[in-house]
Amino acid sequence: MLVMTRGVDEAFVVGDTIVRVVEINRDEVRLGVSSPCSKPRYREVTLRRDAQEQIELPLKEAAAAH
């Protein structure tokens, strides 16, 4: 994992996505993300939730069948 230090209004680029530090307050950092509209953007928590639902769905369906 690459760990970077950036201040407010500083940015870094990953592929064709620009991530900019917008604001820093105590224990919270606000980031702005600029990327082509054709690329979907997801928060990690959303991806994890969707993956968990994909695992649980067949289990629920199997339980309902019995």
PDB file of N, CA and C in Angstrom:
ATOM      1  N   MET A   1       0.843  -1.165   0.000  1.00  0.00           N
ATOM      2  CA  MET A   1       0.000   0.000   0.000  1.00  0.00           C
ATOM      3  C   MET A   1       0.896   1.238   0.000  1.00  0.00           C
ATOM      4  N   LEU A   2       0.567   2.158  -0.859  1.00  0.00           N
ATOM      5  CA  LEU A   2       1.274   3.435  -0.917  1.00  0.00           C
ATOM      6  C   LEU A   2       0.599   4.404   0.049  1.00  0.00           C
ATOM      7  N   VAL A   3       1.351   4.985   0.954  1.00  0.00           N
ATOM      8  CA  VAL A   3       0.824   5.962   1.910  1.00  0.00           C
ATOM      9  C   VAL A   3       1.404   7.322   1.552  1.00  0.00           C
ATOM     10  N   MET A   4       0.529   8.320   1.388  1.00  0.00           N
ATOM     11  CA  MET A   4       0.961   9.657   0.986  1.00  0.00           C
ATOM     12  C   MET A   4       0.563  10.681   2.031  1.00  0.00           C
ATOM     13  N   THR A   5       1.327  11.742   2.109  1.00  0.00           N
ATOM     14  CA  THR A   5       0.976  12.882   2.950  1.00  0.00           C
ATOM     15  C   THR A   5       0.668  14.049   2.026  1.00  0.00           C
ATOM     16  N   ARG A   6      -0.522  14.622   2.173  1.00  0.00           N
ATOM     17  CA  ARG A   6      -0.934  15.765   1.370  1.00  0.00           C
ATOM     18  C   ARG A   6      -1.637  16.760   2.270  1.00  0.00           C
ATOM     19  N   GLY A   7      -1.530  18.036   1.918  1.00  0.00           N
ATOM     20  CA  GLY A   7      -2.222  19.088   2.655  1.00  0.00           C
ATOM     21  C   GLY A   7      -3.428  19.569   1.863  1.00  0.00           C
ATOM     22  N   VAL A   8      -4.145  20.525   2.427  1.00  0.00           N
ATOM     23  CA  VAL A   8      -5.321  21.087   1.769  1.00  0.00           C
ATOM     24  C   VAL A   8      -4.922  21.664   0.412  1.00  0.00           C
ATOM     25  N   ASP A   9      -5.762  21.419  -0.585  1.00  0.00           N
ATOM     26  CA  ASP A   9      -5.571  21.843  -1.979  1.00  0.00           C
ATOM     27  C   ASP A   9      -4.458  21.094  -2.697  1.00  0.00           C
ATOM     28  N   GLU A  10      -3.880  20.078  -2.074  1.00  0.00           N
ATOM     29  CA  GLU A  10      -2.911  19.226  -2.762  1.00  0.00           C
ATOM     30  C   GLU A  10      -3.644  17.989  -3.265  1.00  0.00           C
ATOM     31  N   ALA A  11      -3.121  17.400  -4.325  1.00  0.00           N
ATOM     32  CA  ALA A  11      -3.802  16.275  -4.958  1.00  0.00           C
ATOM     33  C   ALA A  11      -2.806  15.207  -5.372  1.00  0.00           C
ATOM     34  N   PHE A  12      -3.347  14.051  -5.720  1.00  0.00           N
ATOM     35  CA  PHE A  12      -2.563  12.997  -6.342  1.00  0.00           C
ATOM     36  C   PHE A  12      -3.418  12.358  -7.422  1.00  0.00           C
ATOM     37  N   VAL A  13      -2.752  11.721  -8.366  1.00  0.00           N
ATOM     38  CA  VAL A  13      -3.430  11.148  -9.526  1.00  0.00           C
ATOM     39  C   VAL A  13      -3.254   9.644  -9.519  1.00  0.00           C
ATOM     40  N   VAL A  14      -4.354   8.935  -9.735  1.00  0.00           N
ATOM     41  CA  VAL A  14      -4.342   7.478  -9.870  1.00  0.00           C
ATOM     42  C   VAL A  14      -5.003   7.183 -11.211  1.00  0.00           C
ATOM     43  N   GLY A  15      -4.206   6.742 -12.181  1.00  0.00           N
ATOM     44  CA  GLY A  15      -4.756   6.538 -13.524  1.00  0.00           C
ATOM     45  C   GLY A  15      -5.231   7.870 -14.071  1.00  0.00           C
ATOM     46  N   ASP A  16      -6.526   7.950 -14.421  1.00  0.00           N
ATOM     47  CA  ASP A  16      -7.084   9.214 -14.894  1.00  0.00           C
ATOM     48  C   ASP A  16      -8.021   9.839 -13.854  1.00  0.00           C
ATOM     49  N   THR A  17      -7.817   9.481 -12.594  1.00  0.00           N
ATOM     50  CA  THR A  17      -8.606  10.023 -11.486  1.00  0.00           C
ATOM     51  C   THR A  17      -7.732  10.941 -10.631  1.00  0.00           C
ATOM     52  N   ILE A  18      -8.252  12.127 -10.332  1.00  0.00           N
ATOM     53  CA  ILE A  18      -7.551  13.088  -9.481  1.00  0.00           C
ATOM     54  C   ILE A  18      -8.242  13.114  -8.125  1.00  0.00           C
ATOM     55  N   VAL A  19      -7.461  12.919  -7.069  1.00  0.00           N
ATOM     56  CA  VAL A  19      -7.980  12.968  -5.700  1.00  0.00           C
ATOM     57  C   VAL A  19      -7.341  14.168  -5.012  1.00  0.00           C
ATOM     58  N   ARG A  20      -8.191  15.116  -4.569  1.00  0.00           N
ATOM     59  CA  ARG A  20      -7.710  16.359  -3.969  1.00  0.00           C
ATOM     60  C   ARG A  20      -8.183  16.458  -2.522  1.00  0.00           C
ATOM     61  N   VAL A  21      -7.286  16.904  -1.639  1.00  0.00           N
ATOM     62  CA  VAL A  21      -7.649  17.154  -0.242  1.00  0.00           C
ATOM     63  C   VAL A  21      -8.380  18.494  -0.208  1.00  0.00           C
ATOM     64  N   VAL A  22      -9.642  18.474   0.197  1.00  0.00           N
ATOM     65  CA  VAL A  22     -10.476  19.672   0.215  1.00  0.00           C
ATOM     66  C   VAL A  22     -10.435  20.354   1.578  1.00  0.00           C
ATOM     67  N   GLU A  23     -10.474  19.541   2.641  1.00  0.00           N
ATOM     68  CA  GLU A  23     -10.547  20.109   3.988  1.00  0.00           C
ATOM     69  C   GLU A  23     -10.021  19.102   5.002  1.00  0.00           C
ATOM     70  N   ILE A  24      -9.377  19.593   6.039  1.00  0.00           N
ATOM     71  CA  ILE A  24      -8.912  18.744   7.138  1.00  0.00           C
ATOM     72  C   ILE A  24      -9.426  19.350   8.439  1.00  0.00           C
ATOM     73  N   ASN A  25     -10.173  18.565   9.206  1.00  0.00           N
ATOM     74  CA  ASN A  25     -10.691  18.986  10.515  1.00  0.00           C
ATOM     75  C   ASN A  25     -10.438  17.884  11.520  1.00  0.00           C
ATOM     76  N   ARG A  26      -9.583  18.117  12.471  1.00  0.00           N
ATOM     77  CA  ARG A  26      -9.271  17.172  13.542  1.00  0.00           C
ATOM     78  C   ARG A  26      -9.160  15.741  13.039  1.00  0.00           C
ATOM     79  N   ASP A  27     -10.223  14.939  13.180  1.00  0.00           N
ATOM     80  CA  ASP A  27     -10.156  13.520  12.803  1.00  0.00           C
ATOM     81  C   ASP A  27     -10.910  13.231  11.508  1.00  0.00           C
ATOM     82  N   GLU A  28     -11.122  14.244  10.681  1.00  0.00           N
ATOM     83  CA  GLU A  28     -11.880  14.060   9.444  1.00  0.00           C
ATOM     84  C   GLU A  28     -11.156  14.735   8.281  1.00  0.00           C
ATOM     85  N   VAL A  29     -11.094  14.039   7.163  1.00  0.00           N
ATOM     86  CA  VAL A  29     -10.483  14.583   5.953  1.00  0.00           C
ATOM     87  C   VAL A  29     -11.520  14.516   4.843  1.00  0.00           C
ATOM     88  N   ARG A  30     -11.756  15.625   4.166  1.00  0.00           N
ATOM     89  CA  ARG A  30     -12.684  15.651   3.033  1.00  0.00           C
ATOM     90  C   ARG A  30     -11.865  15.608   1.752  1.00  0.00           C
ATOM     91  N   LEU A  31     -12.243  14.703   0.865  1.00  0.00           N
ATOM     92  CA  LEU A  31     -11.550  14.527  -0.404  1.00  0.00           C
ATOM     93  C   LEU A  31     -12.493  14.838  -1.552  1.00  0.00           C
ATOM     94  N   GLY A  32     -11.948  15.406  -2.607  1.00  0.00           N
ATOM     95  CA  GLY A  32     -12.690  15.589  -3.847  1.00  0.00           C
ATOM     96  C   GLY A  32     -12.109  14.636  -4.878  1.00  0.00           C
ATOM     97  N   VAL A  33     -12.986  13.959  -5.617  1.00  0.00           N
ATOM     98  CA  VAL A  33     -12.546  12.980  -6.606  1.00  0.00           C
ATOM     99  C   VAL A  33     -13.050  13.411  -7.975  1.00  0.00           C
ATOM    100  N   SER A  34     -12.129  13.579  -8.913  1.00  0.00           N
ATOM    101  CA  SER A  34     -12.474  13.929 -10.290  1.00  0.00           C
ATOM    102  C   SER A  34     -12.053  12.785 -11.192  1.00  0.00           C
ATOM    103  N   SER A  35     -13.029  12.249 -11.914  1.00  0.00           N
ATOM    104  CA  SER A  35     -12.727  11.172 -12.859  1.00  0.00           C
ATOM    105  C   SER A  35     -13.727  11.249 -14.000  1.00  0.00           C
ATOM    106  N   PRO A  36     -13.428  10.606 -15.117  1.00  0.00           N
ATOM    107  CA  PRO A  36     -14.351  10.628 -16.245  1.00  0.00           C
ATOM    108  C   PRO A  36     -15.721  10.083 -15.837  1.00  0.00           C
ATOM    109  N   CYS A  37     -16.763  10.686 -16.378  1.00  0.00           N
ATOM    110  CA  CYS A  37     -18.131  10.245 -16.058  1.00  0.00           C
ATOM    111  C   CYS A  37     -18.369   8.788 -16.439  1.00  0.00           C
ATOM    112  N   SER A  38     -17.616   8.283 -17.386  1.00  0.00           N
ATOM    113  CA  SER A  38     -17.806   6.901 -17.831  1.00  0.00           C
ATOM    114  C   SER A  38     -17.298   5.887 -16.813  1.00  0.00           C
ATOM    115  N   LYS A  39     -16.538   6.349 -15.826  1.00  0.00           N
ATOM    116  CA  LYS A  39     -16.009   5.440 -14.804  1.00  0.00           C
ATOM    117  C   LYS A  39     -16.895   5.488 -13.569  1.00  0.00           C
ATOM    118  N   PRO A  40     -17.385   4.331 -13.130  1.00  0.00           N
ATOM    119  CA  PRO A  40     -18.201   4.331 -11.904  1.00  0.00           C
ATOM    120  C   PRO A  40     -17.345   4.632 -10.682  1.00  0.00           C
ATOM    121  N   ARG A  41     -17.958   5.251  -9.670  1.00  0.00           N
ATOM    122  CA  ARG A  41     -17.267   5.576  -8.412  1.00  0.00           C
ATOM    123  C   ARG A  41     -18.040   4.941  -7.274  1.00  0.00           C
ATOM    124  N   TYR A  42     -17.355   4.203  -6.439  1.00  0.00           N
ATOM    125  CA  TYR A  42     -17.993   3.531  -5.312  1.00  0.00           C
ATOM    126  C   TYR A  42     -17.207   3.792  -4.044  1.00  0.00           C
ATOM    127  N   ARG A  43     -17.921   3.883  -2.928  1.00  0.00           N
ATOM    128  CA  ARG A  43     -17.255   3.904  -1.630  1.00  0.00           C
ATOM    129  C   ARG A  43     -17.001   2.456  -1.236  1.00  0.00           C
ATOM    130  N   GLU A  44     -15.925   2.214  -0.529  1.00  0.00           N
ATOM    131  CA  GLU A  44     -15.571   0.851  -0.129  1.00  0.00           C
ATOM    132  C   GLU A  44     -16.693   0.195   0.665  1.00  0.00           C
ATOM    133  N   VAL A  45     -17.338   0.938   1.537  1.00  0.00           N
ATOM    134  CA  VAL A  45     -18.411   0.368   2.350  1.00  0.00           C
ATOM    135  C   VAL A  45     -19.548  -0.141   1.466  1.00  0.00           C
ATOM    136  N   THR A  46     -19.823   0.545   0.365  1.00  0.00           N
ATOM    137  CA  THR A  46     -20.868   0.104  -0.564  1.00  0.00           C
ATOM    138  C   THR A  46     -20.465  -1.191  -1.250  1.00  0.00           C
ATOM    139  N   LEU A  47     -19.227  -1.293  -1.675  1.00  0.00           N
ATOM    140  CA  LEU A  47     -18.757  -2.515  -2.327  1.00  0.00           C
ATOM    141  C   LEU A  47     -18.797  -3.699  -1.373  1.00  0.00           C
ATOM    142  N   ARG A  48     -18.384  -3.485  -0.128  1.00  0.00           N
ATOM    143  CA  ARG A  48     -18.402  -4.564   0.867  1.00  0.00           C
ATOM    144  C   ARG A  48     -19.830  -5.019   1.158  1.00  0.00           C
ATOM    145  N   ARG A  49     -20.751  -4.048   1.285  1.00  0.00           N
ATOM    146  CA  ARG A  49     -22.150  -4.384   1.559  1.00  0.00           C
ATOM    147  C   ARG A  49     -22.734  -5.203   0.403  1.00  0.00           C
ATOM    148  N   ASP A  50     -22.495  -4.762  -0.822  1.00  0.00           N
ATOM    149  CA  ASP A  50     -23.009  -5.482  -1.984  1.00  0.00           C
ATOM    150  C   ASP A  50     -22.431  -6.889  -2.064  1.00  0.00           C
ATOM    151  N   ALA A  51     -21.149  -7.042  -1.765  1.00  0.00           N
ATOM    152  CA  ALA A  51     -20.523  -8.369  -1.787  1.00  0.00           C
ATOM    153  C   ALA A  51     -21.142  -9.261  -0.722  1.00  0.00           C
ATOM    154  N   GLN A  52     -21.400  -8.718   0.460  1.00  0.00           N
ATOM    155  CA  GLN A  52     -22.007  -9.498   1.540  1.00  0.00           C
ATOM    156  C   GLN A  52     -23.420  -9.919   1.160  1.00  0.00           C
ATOM    157  N   GLU A  53     -24.177  -9.028   0.522  1.00  0.00           N
ATOM    158  CA  GLU A  53     -25.531  -9.365   0.086  1.00  0.00           C
ATOM    159  C   GLU A  53     -25.503 -10.488  -0.943  1.00  0.00           C
ATOM    160  N   GLN A  54     -24.503 -10.494  -1.818  1.00  0.00           N
ATOM    161  CA  GLN A  54     -24.391 -11.553  -2.819  1.00  0.00           C
ATOM    162  C   GLN A  54     -24.116 -12.900  -2.166  1.00  0.00           C
ATOM    163  N   ILE A  55     -23.419 -12.890  -1.049  1.00  0.00           N
ATOM    164  CA  ILE A  55     -23.143 -14.129  -0.313  1.00  0.00           C
ATOM    165  C   ILE A  55     -24.389 -14.589   0.426  1.00  0.00           C
ATOM    166  N   GLU A  56     -25.109 -13.647   1.048  1.00  0.00           N
ATOM    167  CA  GLU A  56     -26.255 -13.991   1.884  1.00  0.00           C
ATOM    168  C   GLU A  56     -27.485 -14.379   1.081  1.00  0.00           C
ATOM    169  N   LEU A  57     -27.672 -13.823  -0.104  1.00  0.00           N
ATOM    170  CA  LEU A  57     -28.875 -14.081  -0.894  1.00  0.00           C
ATOM    171  C   LEU A  57     -29.099 -15.562  -1.168  1.00  0.00           C
ATOM    172  N   PRO A  58     -28.116 -16.317  -1.680  1.00  0.00           N
ATOM    173  CA  PRO A  58     -28.348 -17.748  -1.907  1.00  0.00           C
ATOM    174  C   PRO A  58     -28.668 -18.497  -0.609  1.00  0.00           C
ATOM    175  N   LEU A  59     -28.080 -18.084   0.503  1.00  0.00           N
ATOM    176  CA  LEU A  59     -28.356 -18.736   1.782  1.00  0.00           C
ATOM    177  C   LEU A  59     -29.802 -18.511   2.197  1.00  0.00           C
ATOM    178  N   LYS A  60     -30.305 -17.296   2.015  1.00  0.00           N
ATOM    179  CA  LYS A  60     -31.696 -16.987   2.352  1.00  0.00           C
ATOM    180  C   LYS A  60     -32.651 -17.750   1.445  1.00  0.00           C
ATOM    181  N   GLU A  61     -32.322 -17.824   0.154  1.00  0.00           N
ATOM    182  CA  GLU A  61     -33.176 -18.542  -0.790  1.00  0.00           C
ATOM    183  C   GLU A  61     -33.209 -20.026  -0.460  1.00  0.00           C
ATOM    184  N   ALA A  62     -32.070 -20.595  -0.093  1.00  0.00           N
ATOM    185  CA  ALA A  62     -32.014 -22.016   0.264  1.00  0.00           C
ATOM    186  C   ALA A  62     -32.818 -22.277   1.531  1.00  0.00           C
ATOM    187  N   ALA A  63     -32.738 -21.383   2.499  1.00  0.00           N
ATOM    188  CA  ALA A  63     -33.489 -21.549   3.747  1.00  0.00           C
ATOM    189  C   ALA A  63     -34.984 -21.446   3.488  1.00  0.00           C
ATOM    190  N   ALA A  64     -35.386 -20.576   2.582  1.00  0.00           N
ATOM    191  CA  ALA A  64     -36.804 -20.411   2.266  1.00  0.00           C
ATOM    192  C   ALA A  64     -37.354 -21.616   1.517  1.00  0.00           C
ATOM    193  N   ALA A  65     -36.510 -22.307   0.775  1.00  0.00           N
ATOM    194  CA  ALA A  65     -36.944 -23.474  -0.003  1.00  0.00           C
ATOM    195  C   ALA A  65     -37.231 -24.673   0.884  1.00  0.00           C
ATOM    196  N   HIS A  66     -36.677 -24.702   2.084  1.00  0.00           N
ATOM    197  CA  HIS A  66     -36.860 -25.861   2.974  1.00  0.00           C
ATOM    198  C   HIS A  66     -37.898 -25.601   3.967  1.00  0.00           C
TER     199      HIS A  66
END
